[in-house]
Amino acid sequence: MTEVDNRAIAITGMGAISAFGEGAEALWSGLREGQSGIRPLRHERAADLRVRIAAQVPESFDPAAHFGERALPMLDRASQFALFAANEAIAQSGLDFAAGGLGGRTGVVVGTGVGGETTQDEQSRRLYAENATRLHPLTIVRLMINAPASQISMAHGLRGPSFAVASACASTNHAIAQAALMIRAGLIDVAVAGGTEACLSYGALRAWEAMRVLADDTCRPFSANRRGLVLGEGAGVFVLESMAHAQARGANILGVLAGVGMSADAGDIVAPDPAGSGSAMTQALADAGLAPEDIDYINAHGTGTPANDPTETRAIHAVFGAHAPKLAVSSTKSMHGHALGASGALELVAVLGALRDGVVPPTANLDMADPACDLDYVPNQPRQLKVRAALSNSFAFGGLNAVLAVRAA
């Protein structure tokens, strides 16, 4: 009998919604072909904005086609995305939570940077611009940051620990790490975990414009002519199981979450520190029992900002040493945008796709070499490559770093 690795976590389901449409396969298909989900911004006040591009979920997404009349009024766009992705992931896993008390041994952890932002923005407009004396009675249950996790829990009868994680752009990876640690500790056997974001409100767009970090043409990670990030939206949710639980039921294992690493820069709230991100990568490798030479691919944080890209490059050099130039490194944010707290979820879909299909998605729009960014960023075209193991990096404002180490099943 094969010995079961009690630390490794089986990934047995994944679901997503993104600028490429509904479903994890739609996202992966777009990324592996190097397509762009960045398009002109659809917003009633787009003409008032300086930056008018984003990676938005297509208009063809109809919430009423997926959620009942009673449920829909309680779902902010962020919760709609999370629940859609969770439903897909759970269906793929084949789990029956009503059988054998499994619902009581299943937790839910969902990361989000801003939560119910569209609800917050709409109701604030009513209150301050229209002088409304009454707001929608479901405002609180729509905008609270734990709403996506709670909606998933209620929809599927999941009675284990259920909560939200908010750490800006590292939210998904922190959420998945917490879920994995609870499984390892024996608190639960299964977790539904991931991230969601619906951040393209007028107020949020204005706030991001004020930071002067948004590109107005496209997202060009690691390219010398990069001009900043491009906001996106969407969700990715995964079913995680202890390896023993997955193997006992003969589950189809999509990939193995082998290790996690988390750190804080404890420095500047927006300027990244390569020591902090490097520490998270080193921890993830150690937790997974992997050597630097075991990693074939890194899905980079790769925001396309002047500060992030060279800092992440230096961190990768510091951690991987002589192996760094041999790594395939790409930023899929160049295609699906920066979905803030959901970015790590969309990127984990890319990592699992690379492990399964032996194709590394490219860094799109990389057309000008930057001496400060000197790794192999898989420029512009996907690459056939057998990927044994990969890292997925998420580094957030506040100096918060979370890295996942994933290997083939």
Protein backbone atom coordinates (compact mmCIF):
# COMPACT_ATOMS: atom_id res chain seq x y z
CA MET A 1 0.00 0.00 0.00
CA THR A 2 1.31 3.46 -0.90
CA GLU A 3 2.03 5.59 2.15
CA VAL A 4 -0.23 8.63 2.40
CA ASP A 5 1.44 12.05 2.73
CA ASN A 6 -0.42 13.59 5.66
CA ARG A 7 0.85 17.10 4.90
CA ALA A 8 -0.01 17.22 1.21
CA ILE A 9 -3.47 18.51 0.30
CA ALA A 10 -5.38 17.16 -2.69
CA ILE A 11 -7.12 19.65 -4.98
CA THR A 12 -10.17 17.85 -6.35
CA GLY A 13 -12.33 20.64 -7.75
CA MET A 14 -11.95 24.09 -9.23
CA GLY A 15 -14.33 26.72 -10.51
CA ALA A 16 -13.89 30.23 -11.82
CA ILE A 17 -15.47 33.24 -13.43
CA SER A 18 -13.30 35.86 -15.07
CA ALA A 19 -12.90 38.24 -17.97
CA PHE A 20 -12.77 35.12 -20.15
CA GLY A 21 -16.28 34.15 -19.12
CA GLU A 22 -17.91 31.45 -17.04
CA GLY A 23 -15.89 28.47 -15.88
CA ALA A 24 -12.36 27.48 -15.01
CA GLU A 25 -11.77 25.96 -18.44
CA ALA A 26 -12.76 29.22 -20.16
CA LEU A 27 -10.17 31.03 -18.04
CA TRP A 28 -7.45 28.45 -18.65
CA SER A 29 -8.17 28.27 -22.37
CA GLY A 30 -7.77 32.03 -22.69
CA LEU A 31 -4.55 32.09 -20.69
CA ARG A 32 -2.89 29.14 -22.41
CA GLU A 33 -3.57 30.77 -25.78
CA GLY A 34 -2.18 34.12 -24.63
CA GLN A 35 -5.45 35.95 -25.16
CA SER A 36 -6.33 39.22 -23.44
CA GLY A 37 -9.35 39.79 -21.24
CA ILE A 38 -8.54 43.51 -20.94
CA ARG A 39 -11.07 45.62 -22.80
CA PRO A 40 -12.71 49.07 -22.70
CA LEU A 41 -14.38 49.67 -19.35
CA ARG A 42 -18.13 49.09 -19.23
CA HIS A 43 -19.43 51.61 -16.70
CA GLU A 44 -22.09 54.28 -16.84
CA ARG A 45 -19.54 56.87 -15.74
CA ALA A 46 -16.58 55.62 -17.75
CA ALA A 47 -16.38 58.93 -19.61
CA ASP A 48 -15.60 60.69 -16.32
CA LEU A 49 -12.52 58.53 -15.69
CA ARG A 50 -8.97 58.93 -16.92
CA VAL A 51 -8.41 55.17 -17.09
CA ARG A 52 -11.06 53.41 -19.15
CA ILE A 53 -9.86 49.82 -19.42
CA ALA A 54 -10.42 46.81 -17.18
CA ALA A 55 -10.70 43.02 -17.24
CA GLN A 56 -14.42 42.61 -16.56
CA VAL A 57 -16.65 39.58 -16.41
CA PRO A 58 -18.59 39.61 -19.72
CA GLU A 59 -22.08 41.05 -19.89
CA SER A 60 -23.32 37.59 -20.86
CA PHE A 61 -23.09 36.55 -17.20
CA ASP A 62 -26.69 36.56 -15.98
CA PRO A 63 -26.99 36.11 -12.21
CA ALA A 64 -30.69 35.31 -12.52
CA ALA A 65 -29.79 32.23 -14.56
CA HIS A 66 -27.76 30.84 -11.65
CA PHE A 67 -29.45 31.99 -8.45
CA GLY A 68 -33.06 31.81 -7.30
CA GLU A 69 -35.39 34.75 -6.77
CA ARG A 70 -35.08 34.50 -2.99
CA ALA A 71 -31.28 34.27 -2.95
CA LEU A 72 -30.41 36.87 -5.56
CA PRO A 73 -31.38 40.01 -3.56
CA MET A 74 -28.89 38.97 -0.86
CA LEU A 75 -25.95 38.55 -3.22
CA ASP A 76 -23.55 41.38 -3.97
CA ARG A 77 -21.62 40.87 -7.21
CA ALA A 78 -18.66 39.54 -5.20
CA SER A 79 -20.88 36.88 -3.61
CA GLN A 80 -22.39 36.01 -6.98
CA PHE A 81 -18.94 35.34 -8.38
CA ALA A 82 -17.85 33.30 -5.35
CA LEU A 83 -20.97 31.16 -5.29
CA PHE A 84 -20.82 30.54 -9.04
CA ALA A 85 -17.20 29.37 -8.79
CA ALA A 86 -17.89 27.27 -5.69
CA ASN A 87 -20.81 25.51 -7.38
CA GLU A 88 -18.56 24.58 -10.29
CA ALA A 89 -15.73 23.36 -8.06
CA ILE A 90 -18.02 21.28 -5.86
CA ALA A 91 -19.71 19.69 -8.87
CA GLN A 92 -16.32 18.72 -10.29
CA SER A 93 -15.20 17.22 -6.98
CA GLY A 94 -18.16 14.85 -6.91
CA LEU A 95 -18.56 15.23 -3.15
CA ASP A 96 -21.90 14.69 -1.43
CA PHE A 97 -21.88 16.81 1.73
CA ALA A 98 -25.12 15.30 2.98
CA ALA A 99 -23.59 11.83 3.15
CA GLY A 100 -21.92 10.57 6.30
CA GLY A 101 -21.93 13.92 8.04
CA LEU A 102 -19.33 15.34 5.63
CA GLY A 103 -20.91 18.80 5.77
CA GLY A 104 -19.89 19.04 9.41
CA ARG A 105 -16.29 18.21 8.50
CA THR A 106 -16.05 20.77 5.68
CA GLY A 107 -14.93 24.37 6.09
CA VAL A 108 -15.18 27.44 3.87
CA VAL A 109 -12.50 30.12 3.61
CA VAL A 110 -12.87 32.89 1.04
CA GLY A 111 -10.43 35.74 0.50
CA THR A 112 -11.47 39.16 -0.70
CA GLY A 113 -9.78 42.51 -0.65
CA VAL A 114 -12.82 44.79 -0.48
CA GLY A 115 -15.90 42.55 -0.21
CA GLY A 116 -19.28 43.94 -1.25
CA GLU A 117 -17.92 47.06 -2.91
CA THR A 118 -20.69 47.51 -5.48
CA THR A 119 -23.30 47.46 -2.72
CA GLN A 120 -21.27 49.91 -0.65
CA ASP A 121 -20.89 52.25 -3.61
CA GLU A 122 -24.55 52.11 -4.65
CA GLN A 123 -25.91 52.72 -1.17
CA SER A 124 -23.40 55.50 -0.46
CA ARG A 125 -24.53 57.24 -3.64
CA ARG A 126 -28.15 56.98 -2.52
CA LEU A 127 -27.32 58.30 0.94
CA TYR A 128 -25.03 61.19 0.03
CA ALA A 129 -25.97 62.14 -3.55
CA GLU A 130 -29.70 61.48 -3.46
CA ASN A 131 -30.21 62.26 0.24
CA ALA A 132 -32.09 59.01 0.74
CA THR A 133 -33.37 58.49 4.28
CA ARG A 134 -33.62 54.73 3.92
CA LEU A 135 -31.14 52.30 2.40
CA HIS A 136 -31.82 48.84 1.07
CA PRO A 137 -32.68 46.58 4.02
CA LEU A 138 -30.20 43.92 2.86
CA THR A 139 -27.28 46.34 2.59
CA ILE A 140 -25.37 44.89 5.54
CA VAL A 141 -25.74 41.23 4.56
CA ARG A 142 -24.66 42.08 1.01
CA LEU A 143 -21.59 44.17 1.80
CA MET A 144 -20.12 42.33 4.81
CA ILE A 145 -16.79 40.84 3.92
CA ASN A 146 -17.72 37.35 5.10
CA ALA A 147 -20.83 37.24 2.89
CA PRO A 148 -19.24 35.14 0.10
CA ALA A 149 -18.03 32.49 2.55
CA SER A 150 -21.36 32.44 4.36
CA GLN A 151 -23.35 32.15 1.13
CA ILE A 152 -21.26 29.15 0.04
CA SER A 153 -21.66 27.55 3.47
CA MET A 154 -25.44 27.97 3.44
CA ALA A 155 -25.89 26.87 -0.17
CA HIS A 156 -24.12 23.55 0.40
CA GLY A 157 -24.76 22.79 4.08
CA LEU A 158 -21.12 23.20 5.09
CA ARG A 159 -21.04 23.44 8.89
CA GLY A 160 -17.31 23.46 9.57
CA PRO A 161 -15.30 26.66 10.18
CA SER A 162 -16.43 29.34 7.73
CA PHE A 163 -14.80 32.75 7.53
CA ALA A 164 -13.25 35.44 5.36
CA VAL A 165 -9.63 36.42 4.90
CA ALA A 166 -8.78 39.98 3.90
CA SER A 167 -5.16 40.76 3.06
CA ALA A 168 -5.52 42.87 -0.07
CA CYS A 169 -3.92 41.16 -3.08
CA ALA A 170 -2.72 38.17 -1.01
CA SER A 171 -6.23 37.31 0.22
CA THR A 172 -6.78 34.17 -1.85
CA ASN A 173 -3.42 32.61 -1.07
CA HIS A 174 -3.86 33.36 2.62
CA ALA A 175 -7.35 31.83 2.50
CA ILE A 176 -6.11 28.65 0.82
CA ALA A 177 -3.22 28.43 3.28
CA GLN A 178 -5.58 28.69 6.24
CA ALA A 179 -7.83 26.01 4.77
CA ALA A 180 -4.86 23.70 4.20
CA LEU A 181 -3.56 24.22 7.73
CA MET A 182 -6.97 23.35 9.20
CA ILE A 183 -7.05 20.13 7.16
CA ARG A 184 -3.53 19.24 8.30
CA ALA A 185 -4.50 19.90 11.92
CA GLY A 186 -7.40 17.48 11.64
CA LEU A 187 -10.06 20.12 12.30
CA ILE A 188 -11.74 19.32 8.98
CA ASP A 189 -11.38 16.80 6.16
CA VAL A 190 -12.47 19.05 3.29
CA ALA A 191 -12.39 22.78 2.57
CA VAL A 192 -13.95 24.97 -0.08
CA ALA A 193 -11.49 27.83 -0.44
CA GLY A 194 -10.56 30.59 -2.84
CA GLY A 195 -11.11 34.26 -3.53
CA THR A 196 -13.52 36.71 -5.09
CA GLU A 197 -13.57 40.38 -6.07
CA ALA A 198 -15.99 42.77 -7.74
CA CYS A 199 -14.13 46.02 -7.26
CA LEU A 200 -15.02 48.04 -10.35
CA SER A 201 -17.27 50.61 -8.69
CA TYR A 202 -16.98 54.29 -9.53
CA GLY A 203 -15.61 55.11 -6.08
CA ALA A 204 -12.99 52.37 -6.20
CA LEU A 205 -11.92 53.31 -9.72
CA ARG A 206 -11.49 56.94 -8.66
CA ALA A 207 -9.47 55.85 -5.63
CA TRP A 208 -7.15 53.71 -7.72
CA GLU A 209 -6.70 56.56 -10.19
CA ALA A 210 -5.61 58.80 -7.31
CA MET A 211 -2.77 56.37 -6.48
CA ARG A 212 -1.39 56.81 -10.02
CA VAL A 213 -0.64 53.10 -10.43
CA LEU A 214 -3.15 52.29 -13.20
CA ALA A 215 -2.06 51.77 -16.79
CA ASP A 216 -4.20 53.44 -19.43
CA ASP A 217 -3.09 51.25 -22.36
CA THR A 218 -2.67 47.65 -21.18
CA CYS A 219 -0.82 45.60 -18.57
CA ARG A 220 2.87 45.00 -19.42
CA PRO A 221 4.51 43.10 -16.53
CA PHE A 222 8.33 43.06 -16.57
CA SER A 223 8.47 45.18 -19.73
CA ALA A 224 10.55 48.37 -19.64
CA ASN A 225 7.58 50.36 -20.98
CA ARG A 226 5.14 49.12 -18.32
CA ARG A 227 2.83 51.82 -17.01
CA GLY A 228 1.03 50.13 -14.14
CA LEU A 229 -1.65 47.60 -13.33
CA VAL A 230 -5.04 47.01 -14.92
CA LEU A 231 -7.91 46.21 -12.57
CA GLY A 232 -9.92 43.04 -13.04
CA GLU A 233 -12.69 41.10 -11.34
CA GLY A 234 -13.85 37.54 -10.89
CA ALA A 235 -13.48 34.56 -8.58
CA GLY A 236 -11.79 31.21 -8.26
CA VAL A 237 -12.77 28.54 -5.74
CA PHE A 238 -11.22 25.13 -5.06
CA VAL A 239 -12.11 21.97 -3.20
CA LEU A 240 -9.27 20.86 -0.95
CA GLU A 241 -9.15 17.49 0.80
CA SER A 242 -6.74 15.62 3.00
CA MET A 243 -4.84 13.19 0.81
CA ALA A 244 -6.22 10.28 2.83
CA HIS A 245 -9.80 11.45 2.28
CA ALA A 246 -9.32 11.99 -1.45
CA GLN A 247 -7.57 8.67 -2.01
CA ALA A 248 -10.08 6.72 0.06
CA ARG A 249 -12.92 7.79 -2.23
CA GLY A 250 -10.91 7.44 -5.43
CA ALA A 251 -11.12 11.14 -6.25
CA ASN A 252 -9.65 12.64 -9.39
CA ILE A 253 -6.82 14.78 -8.04
CA LEU A 254 -6.15 17.89 -10.14
CA GLY A 255 -2.96 18.82 -8.30
CA VAL A 256 -1.33 18.69 -4.90
CA LEU A 257 -1.00 21.69 -2.63
CA ALA A 258 2.34 20.70 -1.19
CA GLY A 259 3.32 23.75 0.84
CA VAL A 260 2.49 27.28 1.87
CA GLY A 261 4.62 30.24 2.91
CA MET A 262 3.53 33.49 4.54
CA SER A 263 5.41 36.56 5.73
CA ALA A 264 5.14 40.29 6.36
CA ASP A 265 7.62 42.93 5.22
CA ALA A 266 6.96 45.02 8.33
CA GLY A 267 8.17 48.00 6.33
CA ASP A 268 6.41 50.31 3.91
CA ILE A 269 2.66 49.90 3.34
CA VAL A 270 2.97 50.08 -0.45
CA ALA A 271 6.67 49.66 -1.36
CA PRO A 272 7.53 45.94 -1.60
CA ASP A 273 10.60 44.43 0.07
CA PRO A 274 12.37 41.51 -1.66
CA ALA A 275 13.33 40.09 1.72
CA GLY A 276 9.69 39.66 2.68
CA SER A 277 8.55 38.07 -0.58
CA GLY A 278 11.69 35.96 -0.63
CA SER A 279 10.93 34.70 2.86
CA ALA A 280 7.45 33.55 1.80
CA MET A 281 8.87 31.67 -1.20
CA THR A 282 11.54 30.04 0.95
CA GLN A 283 8.94 28.97 3.52
CA ALA A 284 6.69 27.49 0.82
CA LEU A 285 9.56 25.42 -0.56
CA ALA A 286 10.54 24.20 2.89
CA ASP A 287 6.96 23.38 3.84
CA ALA A 288 6.55 21.39 0.63
CA GLY A 289 9.86 19.58 1.04
CA LEU A 290 10.98 20.87 -2.34
CA ALA A 291 14.40 22.12 -3.38
CA PRO A 292 14.69 25.20 -5.61
CA GLU A 293 15.70 22.90 -8.47
CA ASP A 294 12.37 21.07 -8.22
CA ILE A 295 10.44 24.14 -9.36
CA ASP A 296 9.88 24.53 -13.09
CA TYR A 297 7.41 27.44 -13.14
CA ILE A 298 6.51 30.49 -11.07
CA ASN A 299 3.25 32.30 -11.58
CA ALA A 300 4.52 35.71 -10.55
CA HIS A 301 2.66 38.44 -8.71
CA GLY A 302 3.77 40.53 -11.70
CA THR A 303 1.54 43.58 -11.46
CA GLY A 304 3.19 45.66 -14.18
CA THR A 305 4.08 48.48 -11.78
CA PRO A 306 7.53 50.08 -11.69
CA ALA A 307 8.08 48.95 -8.09
CA ASN A 308 6.78 45.39 -8.03
CA ASP A 309 8.39 43.77 -11.04
CA PRO A 310 12.10 44.41 -10.32
CA THR A 311 11.53 43.72 -6.62
CA GLU A 312 9.97 40.33 -7.34
CA THR A 313 12.78 39.59 -9.78
CA ARG A 314 15.39 40.29 -7.10
CA ALA A 315 13.52 38.08 -4.63
CA ILE A 316 13.42 35.18 -7.09
CA HIS A 317 17.15 35.52 -7.71
CA ALA A 318 17.83 35.52 -3.97
CA VAL A 319 15.75 32.41 -3.31
CA PHE A 320 16.64 30.33 -6.38
CA GLY A 321 20.24 31.36 -6.97
CA ALA A 322 21.79 29.59 -9.95
CA HIS A 323 18.43 27.96 -10.77
CA ALA A 324 16.65 31.30 -11.22
CA PRO A 325 17.56 31.76 -14.94
CA LYS A 326 16.23 28.24 -15.65
CA LEU A 327 12.76 29.00 -14.30
CA ALA A 328 9.79 29.81 -16.49
CA VAL A 329 8.20 32.88 -14.87
CA SER A 330 5.03 34.50 -16.12
CA SER A 331 2.43 37.01 -15.02
CA THR A 332 -1.07 36.08 -16.10
CA LYS A 333 -2.29 39.45 -14.79
CA SER A 334 -1.22 40.66 -18.23
CA MET A 335 -4.33 38.84 -19.49
CA HIS A 336 -6.90 38.50 -16.67
CA GLY A 337 -6.05 41.79 -14.98
CA HIS A 338 -5.35 42.42 -11.33
CA ALA A 339 -8.41 41.12 -9.54
CA LEU A 340 -7.01 42.18 -6.14
CA GLY A 341 -8.12 39.63 -3.54
CA ALA A 342 -9.19 37.16 -6.24
CA SER A 343 -5.96 37.32 -8.23
CA GLY A 344 -4.38 34.36 -6.49
CA ALA A 345 -7.47 32.29 -7.30
CA LEU A 346 -7.34 33.05 -11.02
CA GLU A 347 -3.61 32.36 -10.96
CA LEU A 348 -4.02 28.99 -9.24
CA VAL A 349 -6.27 27.94 -12.13
CA ALA A 350 -3.35 28.84 -14.41
CA VAL A 351 -0.89 26.82 -12.31
CA LEU A 352 -3.12 23.75 -12.28
CA GLY A 353 -3.59 24.07 -16.03
CA ALA A 354 0.17 24.24 -16.56
CA LEU A 355 0.70 21.13 -14.43
CA ARG A 356 -2.02 19.21 -16.27
CA ASP A 357 -1.33 20.22 -19.85
CA GLY A 358 2.41 20.90 -19.83
CA VAL A 359 1.86 24.43 -21.13
CA VAL A 360 3.14 27.58 -19.42
CA PRO A 361 0.94 30.63 -20.07
CA PRO A 362 2.85 33.67 -21.32
CA THR A 363 3.46 37.13 -20.00
CA ALA A 364 1.54 39.14 -22.59
CA ASN A 365 2.60 42.56 -23.88
CA LEU A 366 6.27 42.09 -22.96
CA ASP A 367 7.87 43.96 -25.83
CA MET A 368 10.78 45.89 -24.32
CA ALA A 369 13.58 44.36 -22.23
CA ASP A 370 14.22 45.87 -18.81
CA PRO A 371 17.73 45.27 -17.38
CA ALA A 372 16.21 45.17 -13.88
CA CYS A 373 13.91 42.32 -14.97
CA ASP A 374 16.26 39.68 -16.33
CA LEU A 375 14.49 36.34 -15.88
CA ASP A 376 12.73 34.15 -18.44
CA TYR A 377 9.21 35.63 -18.38
CA VAL A 378 7.80 33.45 -21.22
CA PRO A 379 7.20 36.54 -23.37
CA ASN A 380 4.03 36.80 -25.44
CA GLN A 381 3.66 33.15 -26.49
CA PRO A 382 2.71 30.06 -24.45
CA ARG A 383 5.42 27.43 -24.04
CA GLN A 384 5.27 23.67 -24.01
CA LEU A 385 7.02 22.59 -20.80
CA LYS A 386 6.59 19.66 -18.47
CA VAL A 387 5.89 21.27 -15.11
CA ARG A 388 6.62 19.06 -12.10
CA ALA A 389 6.08 21.71 -9.45
CA ALA A 390 5.31 25.42 -9.36
CA LEU A 391 5.00 28.39 -7.05
CA SER A 392 2.16 30.89 -7.14
CA ASN A 393 3.15 34.27 -5.68
CA SER A 394 0.85 36.87 -4.13
CA PHE A 395 2.29 40.01 -2.55
CA ALA A 396 -0.02 42.69 -1.16
CA PHE A 397 -0.16 46.28 -0.02
CA GLY A 398 0.65 46.27 3.67
CA GLY A 399 3.73 44.16 2.96
CA LEU A 400 1.77 40.89 3.15
CA ASN A 401 3.11 37.89 1.26
CA ALA A 402 1.56 34.47 0.62
CA VAL A 403 3.00 31.79 -1.65
CA LEU A 404 1.58 28.39 -2.64
CA ALA A 405 3.74 25.46 -3.73
CA VAL A 406 1.83 23.08 -6.00
CA ARG A 407 2.99 19.88 -7.64
CA ALA A 408 1.54 17.45 -10.12
CA ALA A 409 -0.69 14.71 -8.74
